N, C-alpha and C. Protein backbone atom coordinates (compact mmCIF):
# COMPACT_ATOMS: atom_id res chain seq x y z
N MET A 1 16.83 95.26 143.19
CA MET A 1 18.20 95.08 143.54
C MET A 1 19.00 94.64 142.32
N GLU A 2 20.15 95.16 142.17
CA GLU A 2 20.99 94.96 141.00
C GLU A 2 21.81 93.63 141.19
N ASN A 3 21.90 92.87 140.12
CA ASN A 3 22.61 91.57 140.17
C ASN A 3 23.93 91.69 139.43
N ASN A 4 25.00 91.97 140.17
CA ASN A 4 26.34 92.12 139.57
C ASN A 4 27.19 90.93 139.85
N LYS A 5 26.61 89.76 140.00
CA LYS A 5 27.36 88.54 140.29
C LYS A 5 28.11 88.04 139.06
N TRP A 6 29.40 87.86 139.20
CA TRP A 6 30.20 87.37 138.08
C TRP A 6 30.21 85.84 138.09
N THR A 7 29.28 85.28 137.37
CA THR A 7 29.14 83.83 137.33
C THR A 7 30.03 83.26 136.15
N PRO A 8 30.38 82.05 136.17
CA PRO A 8 31.16 81.42 135.07
C PRO A 8 30.43 81.60 133.75
N LYS A 9 29.09 81.50 133.74
CA LYS A 9 28.32 81.67 132.54
C LYS A 9 28.51 83.05 131.97
N ARG A 10 28.43 84.06 132.80
CA ARG A 10 28.58 85.47 132.34
C ARG A 10 30.05 85.71 131.85
N ILE A 11 31.03 85.18 132.61
CA ILE A 11 32.43 85.38 132.22
C ILE A 11 32.72 84.73 130.83
N CYS A 12 32.16 83.51 130.67
CA CYS A 12 32.31 82.80 129.39
C CYS A 12 31.67 83.56 128.28
N ALA A 13 30.49 84.10 128.43
CA ALA A 13 29.77 84.84 127.39
C ALA A 13 30.60 86.08 127.00
N ILE A 14 31.12 86.78 128.02
CA ILE A 14 31.88 88.02 127.72
C ILE A 14 33.15 87.66 126.98
N LEU A 15 33.83 86.58 127.37
CA LEU A 15 35.03 86.20 126.67
C LEU A 15 34.78 85.79 125.24
N VAL A 16 33.65 85.12 124.99
CA VAL A 16 33.27 84.73 123.62
C VAL A 16 33.01 86.01 122.79
N ILE A 17 32.30 86.98 123.36
CA ILE A 17 32.01 88.18 122.60
C ILE A 17 33.33 88.97 122.31
N ILE A 18 34.19 89.08 123.25
CA ILE A 18 35.44 89.76 123.05
C ILE A 18 36.29 89.08 121.97
N PHE A 19 36.34 87.72 122.02
CA PHE A 19 37.14 86.99 121.03
C PHE A 19 36.56 87.19 119.66
N LEU A 20 35.21 87.09 119.50
CA LEU A 20 34.63 87.29 118.20
C LEU A 20 34.82 88.69 117.65
N VAL A 21 34.68 89.65 118.45
CA VAL A 21 34.92 91.08 118.01
C VAL A 21 36.38 91.21 117.64
N PHE A 22 37.30 90.64 118.39
CA PHE A 22 38.70 90.73 118.09
C PHE A 22 39.00 90.11 116.69
N ILE A 23 38.44 88.96 116.43
CA ILE A 23 38.79 88.35 115.11
C ILE A 23 38.18 89.09 113.97
N TYR A 24 36.98 89.69 114.18
CA TYR A 24 36.38 90.53 113.11
C TYR A 24 37.22 91.71 112.82
N VAL A 25 37.62 92.42 113.86
CA VAL A 25 38.47 93.61 113.70
C VAL A 25 39.83 93.23 113.06
N ALA A 26 40.41 92.16 113.55
CA ALA A 26 41.71 91.71 113.00
C ALA A 26 41.57 91.38 111.52
N THR A 27 40.47 90.69 111.17
CA THR A 27 40.25 90.38 109.78
C THR A 27 40.08 91.56 108.91
N LEU A 28 39.38 92.58 109.38
CA LEU A 28 39.20 93.80 108.67
C LEU A 28 40.52 94.50 108.44
N VAL A 29 41.26 94.63 109.53
CA VAL A 29 42.58 95.36 109.43
C VAL A 29 43.54 94.60 108.50
N VAL A 30 43.61 93.28 108.61
CA VAL A 30 44.54 92.53 107.80
C VAL A 30 44.09 92.51 106.31
N ALA A 31 42.75 92.49 106.07
CA ALA A 31 42.24 92.55 104.72
C ALA A 31 42.57 93.90 104.01
N ILE A 32 42.59 94.96 104.83
CA ILE A 32 42.93 96.26 104.29
C ILE A 32 44.40 96.40 104.05
N VAL A 33 45.21 95.95 105.03
CA VAL A 33 46.67 96.13 104.92
C VAL A 33 47.28 95.08 104.02
N TRP A 34 46.78 93.83 104.04
CA TRP A 34 47.44 92.74 103.36
C TRP A 34 46.33 91.97 102.60
N PRO A 35 45.87 92.50 101.46
CA PRO A 35 44.67 91.99 100.76
C PRO A 35 44.77 90.53 100.30
N GLY A 36 45.91 89.97 100.14
CA GLY A 36 46.05 88.57 99.65
C GLY A 36 45.43 87.52 100.55
N ASN A 37 45.36 87.77 101.84
CA ASN A 37 44.91 86.80 102.84
C ASN A 37 43.47 87.01 103.32
N GLY A 38 42.74 87.89 102.65
CA GLY A 38 41.41 88.20 103.12
C GLY A 38 40.46 87.03 103.10
N ALA A 39 40.53 86.22 102.06
CA ALA A 39 39.59 85.07 101.93
C ALA A 39 39.85 84.03 103.06
N LYS A 40 41.14 83.78 103.32
CA LYS A 40 41.48 82.80 104.39
C LYS A 40 40.98 83.30 105.74
N LEU A 41 41.18 84.59 106.01
CA LEU A 41 40.72 85.14 107.27
C LEU A 41 39.23 85.18 107.40
N PHE A 42 38.55 85.45 106.29
CA PHE A 42 37.10 85.48 106.29
C PHE A 42 36.57 84.01 106.62
N ALA A 43 37.17 83.05 106.04
CA ALA A 43 36.79 81.68 106.31
C ALA A 43 37.03 81.34 107.78
N MET A 44 38.16 81.83 108.34
CA MET A 44 38.44 81.62 109.76
C MET A 44 37.38 82.26 110.61
N CYS A 45 36.94 83.49 110.26
CA CYS A 45 35.89 84.15 111.01
C CYS A 45 34.59 83.42 110.98
N LEU A 46 34.23 82.91 109.79
CA LEU A 46 32.96 82.15 109.70
C LEU A 46 33.07 80.89 110.59
N PHE A 47 34.22 80.24 110.52
CA PHE A 47 34.43 79.00 111.35
C PHE A 47 34.25 79.34 112.80
N ALA A 48 34.96 80.40 113.26
CA ALA A 48 34.98 80.79 114.67
C ALA A 48 33.59 81.25 115.12
N THR A 49 32.88 81.92 114.19
CA THR A 49 31.53 82.38 114.55
C THR A 49 30.59 81.25 114.89
N VAL A 50 30.81 80.08 114.30
CA VAL A 50 29.99 78.90 114.56
C VAL A 50 30.58 78.07 115.74
N VAL A 51 31.86 77.86 115.71
CA VAL A 51 32.51 76.91 116.64
C VAL A 51 32.62 77.51 118.05
N VAL A 52 33.06 78.75 118.20
CA VAL A 52 33.30 79.35 119.50
C VAL A 52 32.05 79.31 120.37
N PRO A 53 30.86 79.76 119.91
CA PRO A 53 29.67 79.65 120.76
C PRO A 53 29.29 78.24 121.14
N ILE A 54 29.52 77.34 120.21
CA ILE A 54 29.27 75.88 120.56
C ILE A 54 30.11 75.39 121.64
N VAL A 55 31.43 75.76 121.54
CA VAL A 55 32.34 75.33 122.59
C VAL A 55 31.99 75.97 123.93
N ALA A 56 31.58 77.26 123.87
CA ALA A 56 31.16 77.93 125.14
C ALA A 56 29.93 77.27 125.72
N TYR A 57 28.96 76.85 124.88
CA TYR A 57 27.77 76.15 125.34
C TYR A 57 28.16 74.82 126.02
N ILE A 58 29.07 74.10 125.34
CA ILE A 58 29.51 72.83 125.95
C ILE A 58 30.22 73.07 127.25
N TYR A 59 31.04 74.10 127.38
CA TYR A 59 31.73 74.41 128.65
C TYR A 59 30.64 74.71 129.72
N ILE A 60 29.62 75.48 129.43
CA ILE A 60 28.60 75.80 130.38
C ILE A 60 27.80 74.51 130.76
N TRP A 61 27.54 73.69 129.81
CA TRP A 61 26.81 72.43 130.09
C TRP A 61 27.65 71.52 130.97
N ILE A 62 28.94 71.36 130.76
CA ILE A 62 29.82 70.56 131.56
C ILE A 62 29.90 71.17 132.96
N TYR A 63 29.99 72.49 133.06
CA TYR A 63 30.02 73.14 134.36
C TYR A 63 28.74 72.81 135.15
N SER A 64 27.58 72.79 134.48
CA SER A 64 26.35 72.48 135.20
C SER A 64 26.29 71.05 135.66
N LYS A 65 26.91 70.13 134.88
CA LYS A 65 26.97 68.75 135.28
C LYS A 65 27.91 68.50 136.47
N ILE A 66 29.02 69.21 136.45
CA ILE A 66 30.02 69.03 137.52
C ILE A 66 29.52 69.62 138.83
N THR A 67 28.92 70.82 138.79
CA THR A 67 28.49 71.49 139.97
C THR A 67 27.12 71.12 140.42
N GLY A 68 26.26 70.57 139.51
CA GLY A 68 24.93 70.24 139.86
C GLY A 68 23.97 71.44 139.80
N LYS A 69 24.49 72.62 139.43
CA LYS A 69 23.65 73.80 139.30
C LYS A 69 22.93 73.84 138.02
N ARG A 70 21.78 74.42 137.94
CA ARG A 70 20.98 74.56 136.73
C ARG A 70 21.50 75.77 135.99
N THR A 71 21.83 75.61 134.71
CA THR A 71 22.28 76.74 133.88
C THR A 71 21.50 76.76 132.61
N ILE A 72 21.79 77.71 131.76
CA ILE A 72 21.10 77.90 130.49
C ILE A 72 21.27 76.65 129.62
N ALA A 73 22.32 75.88 129.81
CA ALA A 73 22.55 74.69 129.02
C ALA A 73 21.94 73.42 129.61
N SER A 74 21.34 73.53 130.71
CA SER A 74 20.71 72.40 131.37
C SER A 74 19.48 71.89 130.55
N VAL A 75 19.33 70.58 130.49
CA VAL A 75 18.17 70.07 129.81
C VAL A 75 16.97 70.13 130.74
N PRO A 76 15.86 70.71 130.29
CA PRO A 76 14.68 70.81 131.17
C PRO A 76 14.07 69.42 131.39
N GLU A 77 13.56 69.24 132.58
CA GLU A 77 12.86 67.99 132.92
C GLU A 77 11.43 68.09 132.48
N VAL A 78 10.96 67.05 131.83
CA VAL A 78 9.52 67.07 131.35
C VAL A 78 8.76 66.24 132.36
N GLN A 79 7.75 66.90 132.92
CA GLN A 79 6.99 66.32 134.04
C GLN A 79 6.10 65.18 133.47
N GLY A 80 5.40 65.41 132.34
CA GLY A 80 4.50 64.42 131.78
C GLY A 80 5.14 63.14 131.37
N ALA A 81 6.36 63.19 130.87
CA ALA A 81 7.10 62.04 130.39
C ALA A 81 7.38 61.08 131.51
N GLN A 82 7.73 61.58 132.67
CA GLN A 82 8.02 60.77 133.81
C GLN A 82 6.81 60.03 134.31
N ASP A 83 5.66 60.72 134.30
CA ASP A 83 4.39 60.08 134.70
C ASP A 83 4.03 58.91 133.81
N GLU A 84 4.22 59.12 132.48
CA GLU A 84 3.88 58.05 131.49
C GLU A 84 4.76 56.84 131.73
N VAL A 85 6.00 57.01 132.04
CA VAL A 85 6.95 55.87 132.30
C VAL A 85 6.50 55.12 133.49
N SER A 86 6.15 55.77 134.57
CA SER A 86 5.80 55.06 135.78
C SER A 86 4.43 54.34 135.61
N GLU A 87 3.52 54.89 134.76
CA GLU A 87 2.26 54.21 134.47
C GLU A 87 2.46 52.93 133.70
N GLU A 88 3.38 52.93 132.75
CA GLU A 88 3.69 51.73 131.94
C GLU A 88 4.37 50.69 132.80
N GLU A 89 5.17 51.05 133.78
CA GLU A 89 5.83 50.07 134.63
C GLU A 89 4.83 49.41 135.56
N GLU A 90 3.75 50.11 135.97
CA GLU A 90 2.76 49.56 136.86
C GLU A 90 1.87 48.52 136.11
N SER A 91 1.71 48.61 134.80
CA SER A 91 0.86 47.75 134.02
C SER A 91 1.44 46.37 133.89
């Protein structure tokens, strides 16, 4: 069965991809048409390439905390660590 569910995680990922592609194309076009600002736009692209996915990850993490749903940004629970804590408390 095909899963075509539009989740906030999928929408966020698509928006991030569209934004990054847009700034790369815009940088290329502006660097060709207006060569004086190429270095500034390249720096902006590098900054956005790092910052935009981090912001998207934080958005997904906050969404998981608000809704209580498990997402890709959820911290996995470690089963062994919980057992060790309860054993130390019993001693």
